[in-house]
Amino acid sequence: MQFTRRSVQTAAALAVMGAFMASPVWAQDKPKIALVMKSLANEFFRT
């Protein structure tokens, strides 16, 4: 059986995806929360 470039690339992509799926995912200790302001005209958020 002769391997084509496309079949080798597909096999490599599947191997990389499998490695990422198999590795454990660690969450951060504390979540970060951001405030997105619609406008700066609100008096509550004075700078």
PDB file of N, CA and C in Angstrom:
ATOM      1  N   MET A   1       0.840  -1.180   0.000  1.00  0.00           N
ATOM      2  CA  MET A   1       0.000   0.000   0.000  1.00  0.00           C
ATOM      3  C   MET A   1       0.881   1.238   0.000  1.00  0.00           C
ATOM      4  N   GLN A   2       0.595   2.139  -0.893  1.00  0.00           N
ATOM      5  CA  GLN A   2       1.392   3.355  -1.007  1.00  0.00           C
ATOM      6  C   GLN A   2       0.692   4.486  -0.246  1.00  0.00           C
ATOM      7  N   PHE A   3       1.457   5.169   0.592  1.00  0.00           N
ATOM      8  CA  PHE A   3       0.906   6.272   1.370  1.00  0.00           C
ATOM      9  C   PHE A   3       0.978   7.554   0.560  1.00  0.00           C
ATOM     10  N   THR A   4      -0.133   8.236   0.477  1.00  0.00           N
ATOM     11  CA  THR A   4      -0.146   9.530  -0.197  1.00  0.00           C
ATOM     12  C   THR A   4       0.050  10.627   0.841  1.00  0.00           C
ATOM     13  N   ARG A   5       0.366  11.787   0.367  1.00  0.00           N
ATOM     14  CA  ARG A   5       0.599  12.913   1.275  1.00  0.00           C
ATOM     15  C   ARG A   5      -0.668  13.232   2.070  1.00  0.00           C
ATOM     16  N   ARG A   6      -1.805  13.139   1.399  1.00  0.00           N
ATOM     17  CA  ARG A   6      -3.067  13.454   2.072  1.00  0.00           C
ATOM     18  C   ARG A   6      -3.373  12.461   3.189  1.00  0.00           C
ATOM     19  N   SER A   7      -3.109  11.186   2.957  1.00  0.00           N
ATOM     20  CA  SER A   7      -3.390  10.196   3.998  1.00  0.00           C
ATOM     21  C   SER A   7      -2.443  10.359   5.185  1.00  0.00           C
ATOM     22  N   VAL A   8      -1.201  10.730   4.923  1.00  0.00           N
ATOM     23  CA  VAL A   8      -0.250  10.960   6.016  1.00  0.00           C
ATOM     24  C   VAL A   8      -0.662  12.193   6.815  1.00  0.00           C
ATOM     25  N   GLN A   9      -1.094  13.258   6.128  1.00  0.00           N
ATOM     26  CA  GLN A   9      -1.537  14.466   6.824  1.00  0.00           C
ATOM     27  C   GLN A   9      -2.793  14.196   7.651  1.00  0.00           C
ATOM     28  N   THR A  10      -3.699  13.407   7.113  1.00  0.00           N
ATOM     29  CA  THR A  10      -4.917  13.072   7.847  1.00  0.00           C
ATOM     30  C   THR A  10      -4.591  12.260   9.092  1.00  0.00           C
ATOM     31  N   ALA A  11      -3.703  11.294   8.954  1.00  0.00           N
ATOM     32  CA  ALA A  11      -3.313  10.477  10.105  1.00  0.00           C
ATOM     33  C   ALA A  11      -2.615  11.326  11.164  1.00  0.00           C
ATOM     34  N   ALA A  12      -1.767  12.261  10.738  1.00  0.00           N
ATOM     35  CA  ALA A  12      -1.072  13.133  11.685  1.00  0.00           C
ATOM     36  C   ALA A  12      -2.061  14.052  12.400  1.00  0.00           C
ATOM     37  N   ALA A  13      -3.033  14.584  11.662  1.00  0.00           N
ATOM     38  CA  ALA A  13      -4.032  15.457  12.274  1.00  0.00           C
ATOM     39  C   ALA A  13      -4.872  14.696  13.290  1.00  0.00           C
ATOM     40  N   LEU A  14      -5.256  13.470  12.961  1.00  0.00           N
ATOM     41  CA  LEU A  14      -6.025  12.662  13.902  1.00  0.00           C
ATOM     42  C   LEU A  14      -5.211  12.321  15.148  1.00  0.00           C
ATOM     43  N   ALA A  15      -3.921  12.080  14.978  1.00  0.00           N
ATOM     44  CA  ALA A  15      -3.067  11.774  16.124  1.00  0.00           C
ATOM     45  C   ALA A  15      -2.938  12.985  17.046  1.00  0.00           C
ATOM     46  N   VAL A  16      -2.779  14.164  16.458  1.00  0.00           N
ATOM     47  CA  VAL A  16      -2.664  15.387  17.268  1.00  0.00           C
ATOM     48  C   VAL A  16      -3.974  15.662  18.002  1.00  0.00           C
ATOM     49  N   MET A  17      -5.098  15.509  17.309  1.00  0.00           N
ATOM     50  CA  MET A  17      -6.395  15.737  17.954  1.00  0.00           C
ATOM     51  C   MET A  17      -6.635  14.729  19.073  1.00  0.00           C
ATOM     52  N   GLY A  18      -6.227  13.502  18.866  1.00  0.00           N
ATOM     53  CA  GLY A  18      -6.369  12.494  19.910  1.00  0.00           C
ATOM     54  C   GLY A  18      -5.512  12.797  21.122  1.00  0.00           C
ATOM     55  N   ALA A  19      -4.312  13.331  20.882  1.00  0.00           N
ATOM     56  CA  ALA A  19      -3.434  13.685  21.996  1.00  0.00           C
ATOM     57  C   ALA A  19      -4.022  14.837  22.809  1.00  0.00           C
ATOM     58  N   PHE A  20      -4.627  15.809  22.133  1.00  0.00           N
ATOM     59  CA  PHE A  20      -5.235  16.925  22.853  1.00  0.00           C
ATOM     60  C   PHE A  20      -6.471  16.479  23.629  1.00  0.00           C
ATOM     61  N   MET A  21      -7.233  15.563  23.065  1.00  0.00           N
ATOM     62  CA  MET A  21      -8.436  15.088  23.745  1.00  0.00           C
ATOM     63  C   MET A  21      -8.082  14.211  24.945  1.00  0.00           C
ATOM     64  N   ALA A  22      -6.984  13.496  24.884  1.00  0.00           N
ATOM     65  CA  ALA A  22      -6.620  12.568  25.949  1.00  0.00           C
ATOM     66  C   ALA A  22      -5.948  13.269  27.123  1.00  0.00           C
ATOM     67  N   SER A  23      -5.362  14.445  26.898  1.00  0.00           N
ATOM     68  CA  SER A  23      -4.650  15.128  27.975  1.00  0.00           C
ATOM     69  C   SER A  23      -5.649  15.774  28.934  1.00  0.00           C
ATOM     70  N   PRO A  24      -5.347  15.764  30.231  1.00  0.00           N
ATOM     71  CA  PRO A  24      -6.267  16.377  31.195  1.00  0.00           C
ATOM     72  C   PRO A  24      -6.237  17.898  31.082  1.00  0.00           C
ATOM     73  N   VAL A  25      -7.347  18.502  31.396  1.00  0.00           N
ATOM     74  CA  VAL A  25      -7.460  19.961  31.341  1.00  0.00           C
ATOM     75  C   VAL A  25      -7.528  20.474  32.769  1.00  0.00           C
ATOM     76  N   TRP A  26      -6.656  21.419  33.097  1.00  0.00           N
ATOM     77  CA  TRP A  26      -6.617  21.982  34.438  1.00  0.00           C
ATOM     78  C   TRP A  26      -7.226  23.383  34.413  1.00  0.00           C
ATOM     79  N   ALA A  27      -8.159  23.638  35.294  1.00  0.00           N
ATOM     80  CA  ALA A  27      -8.793  24.951  35.383  1.00  0.00           C
ATOM     81  C   ALA A  27      -7.922  25.886  36.216  1.00  0.00           C
ATOM     82  N   GLN A  28      -8.130  27.165  36.030  1.00  0.00           N
ATOM     83  CA  GLN A  28      -7.407  28.149  36.825  1.00  0.00           C
ATOM     84  C   GLN A  28      -7.922  28.110  38.259  1.00  0.00           C
ATOM     85  N   ASP A  29      -7.100  28.615  39.179  1.00  0.00           N
ATOM     86  CA  ASP A  29      -7.505  28.634  40.580  1.00  0.00           C
ATOM     87  C   ASP A  29      -8.687  29.572  40.810  1.00  0.00           C
ATOM     88  N   LYS A  30      -8.566  30.801  40.309  1.00  0.00           N
ATOM     89  CA  LYS A  30      -9.635  31.773  40.488  1.00  0.00           C
ATOM     90  C   LYS A  30     -10.102  32.240  39.120  1.00  0.00           C
ATOM     91  N   PRO A  31     -11.404  32.289  38.892  1.00  0.00           N
ATOM     92  CA  PRO A  31     -11.883  32.799  37.599  1.00  0.00           C
ATOM     93  C   PRO A  31     -11.690  34.308  37.513  1.00  0.00           C
ATOM     94  N   LYS A  32     -11.442  34.791  36.320  1.00  0.00           N
ATOM     95  CA  LYS A  32     -11.282  36.225  36.095  1.00  0.00           C
ATOM     96  C   LYS A  32     -12.578  36.757  35.501  1.00  0.00           C
ATOM     97  N   ILE A  33     -13.041  37.864  36.039  1.00  0.00           N
ATOM     98  CA  ILE A  33     -14.280  38.480  35.575  1.00  0.00           C
ATOM     99  C   ILE A  33     -13.947  39.857  35.032  1.00  0.00           C
ATOM    100  N   ALA A  34     -14.463  40.163  33.851  1.00  0.00           N
ATOM    101  CA  ALA A  34     -14.213  41.459  33.218  1.00  0.00           C
ATOM    102  C   ALA A  34     -15.518  42.238  33.129  1.00  0.00           C
ATOM    103  N   LEU A  35     -15.395  43.555  33.168  1.00  0.00           N
ATOM    104  CA  LEU A  35     -16.542  44.438  33.023  1.00  0.00           C
ATOM    105  C   LEU A  35     -16.398  45.178  31.708  1.00  0.00           C
ATOM    106  N   VAL A  36     -17.356  44.987  30.829  1.00  0.00           N
ATOM    107  CA  VAL A  36     -17.350  45.668  29.537  1.00  0.00           C
ATOM    108  C   VAL A  36     -18.371  46.791  29.618  1.00  0.00           C
ATOM    109  N   MET A  37     -17.879  48.014  29.533  1.00  0.00           N
ATOM    110  CA  MET A  37     -18.758  49.171  29.682  1.00  0.00           C
ATOM    111  C   MET A  37     -19.286  49.607  28.328  1.00  0.00           C
ATOM    112  N   LYS A  38     -20.585  49.872  28.283  1.00  0.00           N
ATOM    113  CA  LYS A  38     -21.206  50.308  27.040  1.00  0.00           C
ATOM    114  C   LYS A  38     -20.839  51.757  26.736  1.00  0.00           C
ATOM    115  N   SER A  39     -20.787  52.590  27.755  1.00  0.00           N
ATOM    116  CA  SER A  39     -20.395  53.987  27.553  1.00  0.00           C
ATOM    117  C   SER A  39     -19.715  54.488  28.819  1.00  0.00           C
ATOM    118  N   LEU A  40     -18.989  55.568  28.683  1.00  0.00           N
ATOM    119  CA  LEU A  40     -18.307  56.165  29.828  1.00  0.00           C
ATOM    120  C   LEU A  40     -19.137  57.281  30.449  1.00  0.00           C
ATOM    121  N   ALA A  41     -20.365  57.495  29.996  1.00  0.00           N
ATOM    122  CA  ALA A  41     -21.212  58.572  30.498  1.00  0.00           C
ATOM    123  C   ALA A  41     -21.897  58.206  31.815  1.00  0.00           C
ATOM    124  N   ASN A  42     -21.834  56.966  32.234  1.00  0.00           N
ATOM    125  CA  ASN A  42     -22.476  56.545  33.470  1.00  0.00           C
ATOM    126  C   ASN A  42     -21.730  57.154  34.651  1.00  0.00           C
ATOM    127  N   GLU A  43     -22.455  57.833  35.556  1.00  0.00           N
ATOM    128  CA  GLU A  43     -21.824  58.511  36.692  1.00  0.00           C
ATOM    129  C   GLU A  43     -21.314  57.529  37.741  1.00  0.00           C
ATOM    130  N   PHE A  44     -21.796  56.301  37.713  1.00  0.00           N
ATOM    131  CA  PHE A  44     -21.345  55.315  38.689  1.00  0.00           C
ATOM    132  C   PHE A  44     -19.873  54.965  38.484  1.00  0.00           C
ATOM    133  N   PHE A  45     -19.405  54.999  37.252  1.00  0.00           N
ATOM    134  CA  PHE A  45     -18.029  54.628  36.927  1.00  0.00           C
ATOM    135  C   PHE A  45     -17.210  55.881  36.629  1.00  0.00           C
ATOM    136  N   ARG A  46     -17.037  56.718  37.605  1.00  0.00           N
ATOM    137  CA  ARG A  46     -16.224  57.926  37.396  1.00  0.00           C
ATOM    138  C   ARG A  46     -14.753  57.568  37.496  1.00  0.00           C
ATOM    139  N   THR A  47     -13.954  58.202  36.650  1.00  0.00           N
ATOM    140  CA  THR A  47     -12.504  57.949  36.686  1.00  0.00           C
ATOM    141  C   THR A  47     -11.780  59.086  37.345  1.00  0.00           C
TER     142      THR A  47
END
